PDB file of N, CA and C in Angstrom:
ATOM      1  N   UNK A   1       0.832  -1.192   0.000  1.00  0.00           N
ATOM      2  CA  UNK A   1       0.000   0.000   0.000  1.00  0.00           C
ATOM      3  C   UNK A   1       0.872   1.250   0.000  1.00  0.00           C
ATOM      4  N   UNK A   2       0.295   2.354  -0.381  1.00  0.00           N
ATOM      5  CA  UNK A   2       1.004   3.633  -0.474  1.00  0.00           C
ATOM      6  C   UNK A   2       0.263   4.685   0.339  1.00  0.00           C
ATOM      7  N   UNK A   3       0.963   5.794   0.579  1.00  0.00           N
ATOM      8  CA  UNK A   3       0.334   6.974   1.165  1.00  0.00           C
ATOM      9  C   UNK A   3       0.267   8.019   0.061  1.00  0.00           C
ATOM     10  N   UNK A   4      -0.944   8.297  -0.405  1.00  0.00           N
ATOM     11  CA  UNK A   4      -1.171   9.217  -1.517  1.00  0.00           C
ATOM     12  C   UNK A   4      -1.474  10.601  -0.955  1.00  0.00           C
ATOM     13  N   UNK A   5      -0.753  11.624  -1.420  1.00  0.00           N
ATOM     14  CA  UNK A   5      -0.952  12.978  -0.945  1.00  0.00           C
ATOM     15  C   UNK A   5      -1.650  13.855  -1.969  1.00  0.00           C
ATOM     16  N   UNK A   6      -2.572  14.681  -1.493  1.00  0.00           N
ATOM     17  CA  UNK A   6      -3.332  15.583  -2.360  1.00  0.00           C
ATOM     18  C   UNK A   6      -3.218  17.006  -1.796  1.00  0.00           C
ATOM     19  N   UNK A   7      -2.253  17.789  -2.305  1.00  0.00           N
ATOM     20  CA  UNK A   7      -2.138  19.174  -1.836  1.00  0.00           C
ATOM     21  C   UNK A   7      -3.136  20.078  -2.555  1.00  0.00           C
ATOM     22  N   UNK A   8      -3.393  21.217  -1.960  1.00  0.00           N
ATOM     23  CA  UNK A   8      -4.239  22.231  -2.595  1.00  0.00           C
ATOM     24  C   UNK A   8      -3.444  22.858  -3.734  1.00  0.00           C
ATOM     25  N   UNK A   9      -4.102  23.134  -4.843  1.00  0.00           N
ATOM     26  CA  UNK A   9      -3.461  23.764  -6.005  1.00  0.00           C
ATOM     27  C   UNK A   9      -3.093  25.201  -5.656  1.00  0.00           C
ATOM     28  N   UNK A  10      -1.889  25.614  -6.061  1.00  0.00           N
ATOM     29  CA  UNK A  10      -1.454  26.984  -5.772  1.00  0.00           C
ATOM     30  C   UNK A  10      -1.320  27.841  -7.034  1.00  0.00           C
ATOM     31  N   UNK A  11      -1.434  27.221  -8.200  1.00  0.00           N
ATOM     32  CA  UNK A  11      -1.332  27.978  -9.442  1.00  0.00           C
ATOM     33  C   UNK A  11      -2.532  28.926  -9.575  1.00  0.00           C
ATOM     34  N   UNK A  12      -2.282  30.146  -9.997  1.00  0.00           N
ATOM     35  CA  UNK A  12      -3.330  31.148 -10.163  1.00  0.00           C
ATOM     36  C   UNK A  12      -4.362  30.663 -11.187  1.00  0.00           C
ATOM     37  N   UNK A  13      -5.632  30.848 -10.886  1.00  0.00           N
ATOM     38  CA  UNK A  13      -6.756  30.472 -11.753  1.00  0.00           C
ATOM     39  C   UNK A  13      -6.873  28.976 -11.993  1.00  0.00           C
ATOM     40  N   UNK A  14      -6.266  28.167 -11.143  1.00  0.00           N
ATOM     41  CA  UNK A  14      -6.387  26.710 -11.269  1.00  0.00           C
ATOM     42  C   UNK A  14      -7.248  26.201 -10.126  1.00  0.00           C
ATOM     43  N   UNK A  15      -8.389  25.627 -10.453  1.00  0.00           N
ATOM     44  CA  UNK A  15      -9.326  25.179  -9.426  1.00  0.00           C
ATOM     45  C   UNK A  15      -9.434  23.661  -9.342  1.00  0.00           C
ATOM     46  N   UNK A  16      -8.782  22.953 -10.251  1.00  0.00           N
ATOM     47  CA  UNK A  16      -8.902  21.489 -10.248  1.00  0.00           C
ATOM     48  C   UNK A  16      -8.174  20.882  -9.051  1.00  0.00           C
ATOM     49  N   UNK A  17      -8.574  19.665  -8.708  1.00  0.00           N
ATOM     50  CA  UNK A  17      -7.930  18.917  -7.643  1.00  0.00           C
ATOM     51  C   UNK A  17      -7.492  17.572  -8.221  1.00  0.00           C
ATOM     52  N   UNK A  18      -6.364  17.064  -7.738  1.00  0.00           N
ATOM     53  CA  UNK A  18      -5.779  15.850  -8.316  1.00  0.00           C
ATOM     54  C   UNK A  18      -6.612  14.599  -8.072  1.00  0.00           C
ATOM     55  N   UNK A  19      -7.295  14.531  -6.936  1.00  0.00           N
ATOM     56  CA  UNK A  19      -8.092  13.353  -6.588  1.00  0.00           C
ATOM     57  C   UNK A  19      -9.438  13.827  -6.040  1.00  0.00           C
ATOM     58  N   UNK A  20     -10.504  13.298  -6.581  1.00  0.00           N
ATOM     59  CA  UNK A  20     -11.851  13.615  -6.088  1.00  0.00           C
ATOM     60  C   UNK A  20     -12.149  12.762  -4.859  1.00  0.00           C
ATOM     61  N   UNK A  21     -13.209  13.083  -4.121  1.00  0.00           N
ATOM     62  CA  UNK A  21     -13.593  12.203  -3.019  1.00  0.00           C
ATOM     63  C   UNK A  21     -13.867  10.761  -3.488  1.00  0.00           C
ATOM     64  N   UNK A  22     -14.461  10.601  -4.647  1.00  0.00           N
ATOM     65  CA  UNK A  22     -14.696   9.251  -5.176  1.00  0.00           C
ATOM     66  C   UNK A  22     -13.371   8.533  -5.431  1.00  0.00           C
ATOM     67  N   UNK A  23     -12.406   9.255  -5.949  1.00  0.00           N
ATOM     68  CA  UNK A  23     -11.077   8.679  -6.166  1.00  0.00           C
ATOM     69  C   UNK A  23     -10.404   8.318  -4.856  1.00  0.00           C
ATOM     70  N   UNK A  24     -10.574   9.176  -3.845  1.00  0.00           N
ATOM     71  CA  UNK A  24     -10.021   8.881  -2.520  1.00  0.00           C
ATOM     72  C   UNK A  24     -10.646   7.609  -1.966  1.00  0.00           C
ATOM     73  N   UNK A  25     -11.949   7.457  -2.153  1.00  0.00           N
ATOM     74  CA  UNK A  25     -12.641   6.256  -1.694  1.00  0.00           C
ATOM     75  C   UNK A  25     -12.090   5.003  -2.382  1.00  0.00           C
ATOM     76  N   UNK A  26     -11.873   5.086  -3.689  1.00  0.00           N
ATOM     77  CA  UNK A  26     -11.327   3.940  -4.429  1.00  0.00           C
ATOM     78  C   UNK A  26      -9.916   3.594  -3.951  1.00  0.00           C
ATOM     79  N   UNK A  27      -9.096   4.615  -3.734  1.00  0.00           N
ATOM     80  CA  UNK A  27      -7.743   4.371  -3.226  1.00  0.00           C
ATOM     81  C   UNK A  27      -7.799   3.710  -1.849  1.00  0.00           C
ATOM     82  N   UNK A  28      -8.681   4.203  -0.984  1.00  0.00           N
ATOM     83  CA  UNK A  28      -8.831   3.608   0.346  1.00  0.00           C
ATOM     84  C   UNK A  28      -9.318   2.165   0.223  1.00  0.00           C
ATOM     85  N   UNK A  29     -10.232   1.915  -0.701  1.00  0.00           N
ATOM     86  CA  UNK A  29     -10.752   0.558  -0.902  1.00  0.00           C
ATOM     87  C   UNK A  29      -9.661  -0.407  -1.336  1.00  0.00           C
ATOM     88  N   UNK A  30      -8.652   0.131  -2.011  1.00  0.00           N
ATOM     89  CA  UNK A  30      -7.519  -0.692  -2.449  1.00  0.00           C
ATOM     90  C   UNK A  30      -6.429  -0.782  -1.382  1.00  0.00           C
ATOM     91  N   UNK A  31      -6.691  -0.200  -0.204  1.00  0.00           N
ATOM     92  CA  UNK A  31      -5.758  -0.337   0.904  1.00  0.00           C
ATOM     93  C   UNK A  31      -4.741   0.776   1.056  1.00  0.00           C
ATOM     94  N   UNK A  32      -4.897   1.848   0.291  1.00  0.00           N
ATOM     95  CA  UNK A  32      -3.959   2.970   0.378  1.00  0.00           C
ATOM     96  C   UNK A  32      -4.469   4.016   1.363  1.00  0.00           C
ATOM     97  N   UNK A  33      -3.552   4.754   1.964  1.00  0.00           N
ATOM     98  CA  UNK A  33      -3.915   5.898   2.794  1.00  0.00           C
ATOM     99  C   UNK A  33      -3.960   7.124   1.884  1.00  0.00           C
ATOM    100  N   UNK A  34      -4.842   8.058   2.178  1.00  0.00           N
ATOM    101  CA  UNK A  34      -4.972   9.274   1.374  1.00  0.00           C
ATOM    102  C   UNK A  34      -4.922  10.477   2.312  1.00  0.00           C
ATOM    103  N   UNK A  35      -3.959  11.358   2.087  1.00  0.00           N
ATOM    104  CA  UNK A  35      -3.832  12.598   2.846  1.00  0.00           C
ATOM    105  C   UNK A  35      -4.270  13.748   1.962  1.00  0.00           C
ATOM    106  N   UNK A  36      -5.195  14.553   2.426  1.00  0.00           N
ATOM    107  CA  UNK A  36      -5.718  15.671   1.643  1.00  0.00           C
ATOM    108  C   UNK A  36      -5.519  16.959   2.434  1.00  0.00           C
ATOM    109  N   UNK A  37      -4.880  17.940   1.812  1.00  0.00           N
ATOM    110  CA  UNK A  37      -4.743  19.241   2.456  1.00  0.00           C
ATOM    111  C   UNK A  37      -6.122  19.885   2.565  1.00  0.00           C
ATOM    112  N   UNK A  38      -6.427  20.431   3.709  1.00  0.00           N
ATOM    113  CA  UNK A  38      -7.730  21.082   3.902  1.00  0.00           C
ATOM    114  C   UNK A  38      -7.954  22.134   2.813  1.00  0.00           C
ATOM    115  N   UNK A  39      -9.139  22.115   2.230  1.00  0.00           N
ATOM    116  CA  UNK A  39      -9.492  23.068   1.191  1.00  0.00           C
ATOM    117  C   UNK A  39      -9.043  22.684  -0.208  1.00  0.00           C
ATOM    118  N   UNK A  40      -8.396  21.532  -0.363  1.00  0.00           N
ATOM    119  CA  UNK A  40      -7.858  21.140  -1.672  1.00  0.00           C
ATOM    120  C   UNK A  40      -8.946  21.022  -2.734  1.00  0.00           C
ATOM    121  N   UNK A  41     -10.134  20.587  -2.358  1.00  0.00           N
ATOM    122  CA  UNK A  41     -11.183  20.352  -3.345  1.00  0.00           C
ATOM    123  C   UNK A  41     -12.187  21.477  -3.501  1.00  0.00           C
ATOM    124  N   UNK A  42     -12.054  22.530  -2.707  1.00  0.00           N
ATOM    125  CA  UNK A  42     -13.064  23.594  -2.703  1.00  0.00           C
ATOM    126  C   UNK A  42     -13.280  24.197  -4.087  1.00  0.00           C
ATOM    127  N   UNK A  43     -12.207  24.471  -4.819  1.00  0.00           N
ATOM    128  CA  UNK A  43     -12.336  25.071  -6.145  1.00  0.00           C
ATOM    129  C   UNK A  43     -13.059  24.185  -7.137  1.00  0.00           C
ATOM    130  N   UNK A  44     -13.078  22.881  -6.862  1.00  0.00           N
ATOM    131  CA  UNK A  44     -13.765  21.926  -7.732  1.00  0.00           C
ATOM    132  C   UNK A  44     -15.123  21.514  -7.176  1.00  0.00           C
ATOM    133  N   UNK A  45     -15.525  22.151  -6.079  1.00  0.00           N
ATOM    134  CA  UNK A  45     -16.833  21.869  -5.514  1.00  0.00           C
ATOM    135  C   UNK A  45     -16.868  20.718  -4.525  1.00  0.00           C
ATOM    136  N   UNK A  46     -15.723  20.295  -3.997  1.00  0.00           N
ATOM    137  CA  UNK A  46     -15.664  19.192  -3.041  1.00  0.00           C
ATOM    138  C   UNK A  46     -15.271  19.722  -1.668  1.00  0.00           C
ATOM    139  N   UNK A  47     -16.050  19.375  -0.666  1.00  0.00           N
ATOM    140  CA  UNK A  47     -15.778  19.849   0.692  1.00  0.00           C
ATOM    141  C   UNK A  47     -14.809  18.906   1.413  1.00  0.00           C
ATOM    142  N   UNK A  48     -14.208  19.431   2.468  1.00  0.00           N
ATOM    143  CA  UNK A  48     -13.349  18.609   3.313  1.00  0.00           C
ATOM    144  C   UNK A  48     -14.140  17.443   3.896  1.00  0.00           C
ATOM    145  N   UNK A  49     -15.406  17.695   4.231  1.00  0.00           N
ATOM    146  CA  UNK A  49     -16.248  16.645   4.800  1.00  0.00           C
ATOM    147  C   UNK A  49     -16.444  15.484   3.833  1.00  0.00           C
ATOM    148  N   UNK A  50     -16.543  15.797   2.528  1.00  0.00           N
ATOM    149  CA  UNK A  50     -16.683  14.721   1.534  1.00  0.00           C
ATOM    150  C   UNK A  50     -15.434  13.848   1.505  1.00  0.00           C
ATOM    151  N   UNK A  51     -14.274  14.475   1.608  1.00  0.00           N
ATOM    152  CA  UNK A  51     -13.029  13.702   1.646  1.00  0.00           C
ATOM    153  C   UNK A  51     -12.963  12.856   2.912  1.00  0.00           C
ATOM    154  N   UNK A  52     -13.363  13.427   4.035  1.00  0.00           N
ATOM    155  CA  UNK A  52     -13.351  12.677   5.287  1.00  0.00           C
ATOM    156  C   UNK A  52     -14.289  11.475   5.200  1.00  0.00           C
ATOM    157  N   UNK A  53     -15.485  11.672   4.640  1.00  0.00           N
ATOM    158  CA  UNK A  53     -16.434  10.562   4.482  1.00  0.00           C
ATOM    159  C   UNK A  53     -15.877   9.489   3.557  1.00  0.00           C
ATOM    160  N   UNK A  54     -15.039   9.884   2.607  1.00  0.00           N
ATOM    161  CA  UNK A  54     -14.439   8.937   1.667  1.00  0.00           C
ATOM    162  C   UNK A  54     -13.271   8.174   2.300  1.00  0.00           C
ATOM    163  N   UNK A  55     -12.898   8.564   3.533  1.00  0.00           N
ATOM    164  CA  UNK A  55     -11.823   7.851   4.229  1.00  0.00           C
ATOM    165  C   UNK A  55     -10.479   8.537   4.191  1.00  0.00           C
ATOM    166  N   UNK A  56     -10.418   9.734   3.610  1.00  0.00           N
ATOM    167  CA  UNK A  56      -9.152  10.473   3.562  1.00  0.00           C
ATOM    168  C   UNK A  56      -8.868  11.107   4.917  1.00  0.00           C
ATOM    169  N   UNK A  57      -7.591  11.331   5.174  1.00  0.00           N
ATOM    170  CA  UNK A  57      -7.163  12.056   6.362  1.00  0.00           C
ATOM    171  C   UNK A  57      -6.872  13.486   5.945  1.00  0.00           C
ATOM    172  N   UNK A  58      -7.492  14.446   6.598  1.00  0.00           N
ATOM    173  CA  UNK A  58      -7.274  15.853   6.285  1.00  0.00           C
ATOM    174  C   UNK A  58      -6.085  16.371   7.078  1.00  0.00           C
ATOM    175  N   UNK A  59      -5.219  17.126   6.400  1.00  0.00           N
ATOM    176  CA  UNK A  59      -4.062  17.733   7.054  1.00  0.00           C
ATOM    177  C   UNK A  59      -4.090  19.232   6.796  1.00  0.00           C
ATOM    178  N   UNK A  60      -3.391  19.993   7.640  1.00  0.00           N
ATOM    179  CA  UNK A  60      -3.508  21.446   7.603  1.00  0.00           C
ATOM    180  C   UNK A  60      -2.641  22.155   6.572  1.00  0.00           C
ATOM    181  N   UNK A  61      -1.566  21.541   6.115  1.00  0.00           N
ATOM    182  CA  UNK A  61      -0.637  22.268   5.237  1.00  0.00           C
ATOM    183  C   UNK A  61      -0.037  21.353   4.177  1.00  0.00           C
ATOM    184  N   UNK A  62       0.296  21.948   3.038  1.00  0.00           N
ATOM    185  CA  UNK A  62       0.919  21.191   1.946  1.00  0.00           C
ATOM    186  C   UNK A  62       2.217  20.545   2.407  1.00  0.00           C
ATOM    187  N   UNK A  63       2.982  21.247   3.265  1.00  0.00           N
ATOM    188  CA  UNK A  63       4.254  20.665   3.699  1.00  0.00           C
ATOM    189  C   UNK A  63       4.033  19.354   4.449  1.00  0.00           C
ATOM    190  N   UNK A  64       2.921  19.226   5.147  1.00  0.00           N
ATOM    191  CA  UNK A  64       2.606  17.976   5.815  1.00  0.00           C
ATOM    192  C   UNK A  64       2.227  16.887   4.798  1.00  0.00           C
ATOM    193  N   UNK A  65       1.482  17.270   3.765  1.00  0.00           N
ATOM    194  CA  UNK A  65       1.152  16.324   2.696  1.00  0.00           C
ATOM    195  C   UNK A  65       2.433  15.770   2.083  1.00  0.00           C
ATOM    196  N   UNK A  66       3.363  16.656   1.743  1.00  0.00           N
ATOM    197  CA  UNK A  66       4.599  16.232   1.094  1.00  0.00           C
ATOM    198  C   UNK A  66       5.501  15.444   2.039  1.00  0.00           C
ATOM    199  N   UNK A  67       5.511  15.799   3.309  1.00  0.00           N
ATOM    200  CA  UNK A  67       6.363  15.098   4.273  1.00  0.00           C
ATOM    201  C   UNK A  67       5.880  13.685   4.559  1.00  0.00           C
ATOM    202  N   UNK A  68       4.576  13.493   4.525  1.00  0.00           N
ATOM    203  CA  UNK A  68       4.018  12.191   4.930  1.00  0.00           C
ATOM    204  C   UNK A  68       3.621  11.281   3.782  1.00  0.00           C
ATOM    205  N   UNK A  69       3.490  11.806   2.563  1.00  0.00           N
ATOM    206  CA  UNK A  69       3.035  10.964   1.447  1.00  0.00           C
ATOM    207  C   UNK A  69       4.221  10.368   0.706  1.00  0.00           C
ATOM    208  N   UNK A  70       3.884   9.386  -0.135  1.00  0.00           N
ATOM    209  CA  UNK A  70       4.923   8.702  -0.906  1.00  0.00           C
ATOM    210  C   UNK A  70       4.862   9.135  -2.346  1.00  0.00           C
TER     211      UNK A  70
END
């Protein structure tokens, strides 16, 4: 299994997110851990609560995502 990290996008005018809550759920179903920076999905219409319900762990900063993910 892997630890998959999803940081919030920092590029100007970029609202997409690398993994949706559905994708996080699929990764969790396959036995992977998913770390999502708080607010990562907001620009794409996904709340932190949706990620939490999908089994992702929410973290406060991108540096934590990068430090803990593979």
